Amino acid sequence: MNTGRITENAVFIIGAGHFGARAAKIICTRSDSPVFIVDPDRGALAQINDPGAEKIQGDGIGFLTANFHYLKEANTIVPALPVHLAYEWLREFTAGQFRITRLPAPPIDPPLPNALPAGEGSTLVSYADFLCPDDCPEPVFCTVTGERRDQPLYALLAGLRLPPFEVHIIRSRQLAPGLGGYRVEDLKGLAHKVRTKRAPMWIVGTACKCHGILTAFEVQASLNS
């Protein structure tokens, strides 16, 4: 990685599949932000032809963990891989201090909208029970149903009270229609809260106005700490 390109407006896309490739094309077309796209699949990276994107072959979570000290708080991270990036990063980033173990999602009453189990044990939540258009601008009124969305999903999730779990939600903000991300400072804030709060059980989530993902986990002191 060319660390000299990491300016305040740099963007890191983690994953070079359909969504990552789309993110690279949109960002490289619409701005002059330095773009880094990370994926272990050389073939997927080879399909990225946007001239402003620096392609890095490697595990995305491992890349973020190993290079986090190079990143600036204002840098944007675009999750584009089929796991809960914020949780997986936290687990690796704090490994020397904590042992983080995923837990089953606790019962939530009233039930969250359209909650479904994700493949790796997290929970997907969405106001939509249909496939949203790629270029949805997150309007107040749904572009498909016309239904008014009075409370953004990130606010609904942030308001959850599920003792003994502490809840921390990272808001994903739109960079372009259908494209969202959060800042490095959001991940720093998550790690700081887990380190200082010292609560044993957590739910961390990432959500935009309509879609989100939640992961429950237990935190124990590492044997090496």
Protein backbone atom coordinates (compact mmCIF):
# COMPACT_ATOMS: atom_id res chain seq x y z
CA MET A 1 0.00 0.00 0.00
CA ASN A 2 1.22 3.47 -0.88
CA THR A 3 0.78 5.16 2.50
CA GLY A 4 1.59 8.53 0.92
CA ARG A 5 -1.84 8.41 -0.76
CA ILE A 6 -3.69 8.22 2.56
CA THR A 7 -5.07 11.75 2.66
CA GLU A 8 -7.97 12.89 4.83
CA ASN A 9 -10.49 11.94 2.12
CA ALA A 10 -9.11 8.47 1.35
CA VAL A 11 -11.63 5.63 0.99
CA PHE A 12 -10.99 1.97 1.84
CA ILE A 13 -13.30 -0.54 0.17
CA ILE A 14 -13.13 -3.94 1.86
CA GLY A 15 -14.22 -6.52 -0.69
CA ALA A 16 -14.00 -6.52 -4.49
CA GLY A 17 -17.16 -8.42 -5.39
CA HIS A 18 -20.26 -6.87 -6.96
CA PHE A 19 -20.76 -4.22 -4.29
CA GLY A 20 -17.06 -3.41 -3.90
CA ALA A 21 -16.57 -3.05 -7.65
CA ARG A 22 -19.63 -0.81 -7.85
CA ALA A 23 -18.33 1.31 -4.96
CA ALA A 24 -14.93 1.74 -6.63
CA LYS A 25 -16.52 2.81 -9.92
CA ILE A 26 -18.84 5.35 -8.28
CA ILE A 27 -16.21 6.91 -6.02
CA CYS A 28 -13.51 7.06 -8.70
CA THR A 29 -15.98 8.64 -11.13
CA ARG A 30 -17.46 11.20 -8.77
CA SER A 31 -14.48 12.36 -6.71
CA ASP A 32 -10.73 12.64 -6.59
CA SER A 33 -10.50 10.74 -3.30
CA PRO A 34 -7.70 8.16 -3.15
CA VAL A 35 -9.37 4.73 -3.24
CA PHE A 36 -7.93 1.47 -1.89
CA ILE A 37 -9.79 -1.78 -2.55
CA VAL A 38 -8.82 -4.94 -0.66
CA ASP A 39 -9.71 -8.55 -1.47
CA PRO A 40 -7.91 -11.91 -1.24
CA ASP A 41 -9.22 -12.90 -4.70
CA ARG A 42 -6.76 -11.86 -7.41
CA GLY A 43 -9.39 -12.54 -10.07
CA ALA A 44 -11.90 -10.20 -8.46
CA LEU A 45 -9.29 -7.45 -8.17
CA ALA A 46 -8.37 -7.91 -11.82
CA GLN A 47 -11.91 -6.90 -12.77
CA ILE A 48 -11.44 -3.48 -11.13
CA ASN A 49 -10.33 -1.16 -13.93
CA ASP A 50 -10.96 2.22 -12.34
CA PRO A 51 -7.72 4.23 -12.66
CA GLY A 52 -8.05 5.89 -9.24
CA ALA A 53 -8.23 2.62 -7.31
CA GLU A 54 -5.17 1.00 -5.73
CA LYS A 55 -5.77 -2.75 -5.58
CA ILE A 56 -4.46 -4.70 -2.59
CA GLN A 57 -4.58 -8.49 -2.48
CA GLY A 58 -5.15 -9.79 1.02
CA ASP A 59 -7.68 -10.48 3.74
CA GLY A 60 -9.71 -7.31 4.32
CA ILE A 61 -10.09 -7.69 8.09
CA GLY A 62 -6.42 -8.51 8.50
CA PHE A 63 -5.47 -5.55 6.31
CA LEU A 64 -7.51 -3.11 8.42
CA THR A 65 -6.08 -4.51 11.65
CA ALA A 66 -2.45 -4.48 10.51
CA ASN A 67 -2.59 -1.04 8.89
CA PHE A 68 -5.02 0.75 11.21
CA HIS A 69 -2.28 2.98 12.63
CA TYR A 70 -1.71 4.44 9.15
CA LEU A 71 -5.33 5.48 8.70
CA LYS A 72 -6.74 8.89 9.52
CA GLU A 73 -9.90 9.30 11.57
CA ALA A 74 -11.70 10.98 8.65
CA ASN A 75 -10.96 8.12 6.24
CA THR A 76 -14.03 6.27 5.00
CA ILE A 77 -14.46 2.50 5.16
CA VAL A 78 -16.92 0.83 2.78
CA PRO A 79 -17.85 -2.70 3.96
CA ALA A 80 -18.40 -4.85 0.85
CA LEU A 81 -17.94 -8.40 2.11
CA PRO A 82 -20.37 -11.01 3.49
CA VAL A 83 -19.42 -10.67 7.17
CA HIS A 84 -20.01 -8.04 9.84
CA LEU A 85 -16.86 -5.98 9.30
CA ALA A 86 -17.06 -3.86 12.46
CA TYR A 87 -17.38 -6.93 14.70
CA GLU A 88 -14.68 -8.93 12.93
CA TRP A 89 -12.29 -5.96 13.03
CA LEU A 90 -12.94 -5.40 16.75
CA ARG A 91 -12.29 -9.06 17.51
CA GLU A 92 -8.90 -9.00 15.76
CA PHE A 93 -7.89 -5.48 16.79
CA THR A 94 -8.37 -6.11 20.52
CA ALA A 95 -7.08 -9.71 20.50
CA GLY A 96 -4.06 -8.84 22.67
CA GLN A 97 -6.31 -7.38 25.35
CA PHE A 98 -9.60 -9.27 25.08
CA ARG A 99 -10.99 -12.57 23.93
CA ILE A 100 -14.22 -11.85 22.07
CA THR A 101 -16.66 -14.70 21.49
CA ARG A 102 -19.84 -14.48 19.44
CA LEU A 103 -23.09 -15.20 21.31
CA PRO A 104 -26.57 -16.11 20.09
CA ALA A 105 -28.77 -13.05 19.59
CA PRO A 106 -30.98 -12.39 22.63
CA PRO A 107 -34.77 -12.25 22.30
CA ILE A 108 -35.93 -8.77 21.32
CA ASP A 109 -39.49 -7.63 22.03
CA PRO A 110 -41.08 -6.14 20.04
CA PRO A 111 -39.33 -8.03 17.21
CA LEU A 112 -37.06 -6.08 14.91
CA PRO A 113 -38.31 -5.57 11.35
CA ASN A 114 -37.61 -8.46 8.98
CA ALA A 115 -34.86 -9.91 11.19
CA LEU A 116 -33.03 -12.85 9.64
CA PRO A 117 -29.99 -14.87 10.74
CA ALA A 118 -26.84 -14.12 8.77
CA GLY A 119 -24.56 -16.96 7.70
CA GLU A 120 -21.82 -16.20 10.23
CA GLY A 121 -24.14 -15.92 13.22
CA SER A 122 -25.08 -12.26 13.11
CA THR A 123 -28.61 -10.92 12.56
CA LEU A 124 -29.70 -8.97 9.50
CA VAL A 125 -32.41 -6.35 10.04
CA SER A 126 -34.26 -4.40 7.36
CA TYR A 127 -37.31 -2.23 6.86
CA ALA A 128 -37.61 -3.89 3.43
CA ASP A 129 -38.88 -7.41 2.74
CA PHE A 130 -37.89 -7.04 -0.91
CA LEU A 131 -34.73 -6.43 -2.92
CA CYS A 132 -33.99 -2.70 -2.90
CA PRO A 133 -32.76 -0.94 -6.06
CA ASP A 134 -28.98 -0.51 -6.22
CA ASP A 135 -29.30 3.27 -6.43
CA CYS A 136 -31.75 3.92 -3.58
CA PRO A 137 -31.13 7.43 -2.16
CA GLU A 138 -32.66 6.59 1.27
CA PRO A 139 -35.59 9.00 0.95
CA VAL A 140 -38.15 9.61 3.70
CA PHE A 141 -40.72 7.81 1.55
CA CYS A 142 -39.64 4.36 0.30
CA THR A 143 -39.02 4.40 -3.46
CA VAL A 144 -40.67 0.97 -3.82
CA THR A 145 -43.68 1.01 -1.47
CA GLY A 146 -44.17 4.74 -0.90
CA GLU A 147 -44.26 4.04 2.84
CA ARG A 148 -42.98 6.81 5.11
CA ARG A 149 -39.98 5.87 7.26
CA ASP A 150 -40.31 8.10 10.32
CA GLN A 151 -37.48 6.56 12.35
CA PRO A 152 -34.20 5.60 10.66
CA LEU A 153 -33.18 2.04 11.43
CA TYR A 154 -29.88 3.16 12.98
CA ALA A 155 -31.87 5.23 15.50
CA LEU A 156 -34.24 2.35 16.25
CA LEU A 157 -31.32 0.01 16.93
CA ALA A 158 -29.41 2.59 18.97
CA GLY A 159 -32.45 2.87 21.24
CA LEU A 160 -32.46 -0.83 22.13
CA ARG A 161 -32.19 -1.61 25.83
CA LEU A 162 -31.24 -5.25 26.25
CA PRO A 163 -29.57 -5.79 29.66
CA PRO A 164 -27.14 -7.33 30.38
CA PHE A 165 -25.99 -6.40 26.86
CA GLU A 166 -24.45 -3.02 26.10
CA VAL A 167 -25.55 -1.83 22.65
CA HIS A 168 -23.33 0.17 20.29
CA ILE A 169 -24.50 1.11 16.79
CA ILE A 170 -22.33 2.56 14.02
CA ARG A 171 -24.27 4.60 11.51
CA SER A 172 -23.53 3.95 7.85
CA ARG A 173 -23.84 7.22 5.90
CA GLN A 174 -24.58 7.50 2.21
CA LEU A 175 -21.67 8.39 -0.06
CA ALA A 176 -23.89 8.11 -3.14
CA PRO A 177 -27.31 6.53 -3.82
CA GLY A 178 -27.10 2.91 -2.73
CA LEU A 179 -23.57 3.28 -1.39
CA GLY A 180 -22.70 3.74 2.28
CA GLY A 181 -19.79 3.65 4.67
CA TYR A 182 -18.50 4.89 7.99
CA ARG A 183 -15.33 6.54 9.22
CA VAL A 184 -12.22 5.19 10.87
CA GLU A 185 -13.12 7.29 13.91
CA ASP A 186 -16.30 5.20 14.27
CA LEU A 187 -14.25 2.02 14.64
CA LYS A 188 -11.89 3.78 17.06
CA GLY A 189 -14.89 4.86 19.09
CA LEU A 190 -16.19 1.30 19.23
CA ALA A 191 -12.86 -0.10 20.45
CA HIS A 192 -12.50 2.69 23.01
CA LYS A 193 -15.98 2.08 24.39
CA VAL A 194 -15.43 -1.67 24.75
CA ARG A 195 -12.07 -1.09 26.42
CA THR A 196 -13.27 1.51 28.91
CA LYS A 197 -16.82 0.34 29.65
CA ARG A 198 -15.60 -3.12 30.64
CA ALA A 199 -19.04 -4.64 30.16
CA PRO A 200 -18.95 -8.43 29.66
CA MET A 201 -21.70 -8.67 27.02
CA TRP A 202 -22.25 -6.53 23.95
CA ILE A 203 -24.30 -6.09 20.81
CA VAL A 204 -22.56 -4.14 18.08
CA GLY A 205 -24.43 -3.07 14.99
CA THR A 206 -23.92 -1.24 11.74
CA ALA A 207 -26.96 0.35 10.13
CA CYS A 208 -28.09 2.91 7.60
CA LYS A 209 -31.62 4.31 7.43
CA CYS A 210 -33.18 1.05 6.22
CA HIS A 211 -30.80 -1.90 6.69
CA GLY A 212 -28.51 -3.14 9.42
CA ILE A 213 -26.59 -6.02 10.95
CA LEU A 214 -26.21 -6.92 14.64
CA THR A 215 -23.75 -9.21 16.40
CA ALA A 216 -23.89 -10.27 20.04
CA PHE A 217 -20.68 -11.21 21.82
CA GLU A 218 -18.96 -11.76 25.14
CA VAL A 219 -15.76 -9.98 26.18
CA GLN A 220 -13.23 -11.65 28.46
CA ALA A 221 -9.74 -10.55 29.43
CA SER A 222 -7.11 -12.18 27.25
CA LEU A 223 -4.67 -14.54 28.89
CA ASN A 224 -1.91 -12.44 27.29
CA SER A 225 -3.14 -9.10 28.62
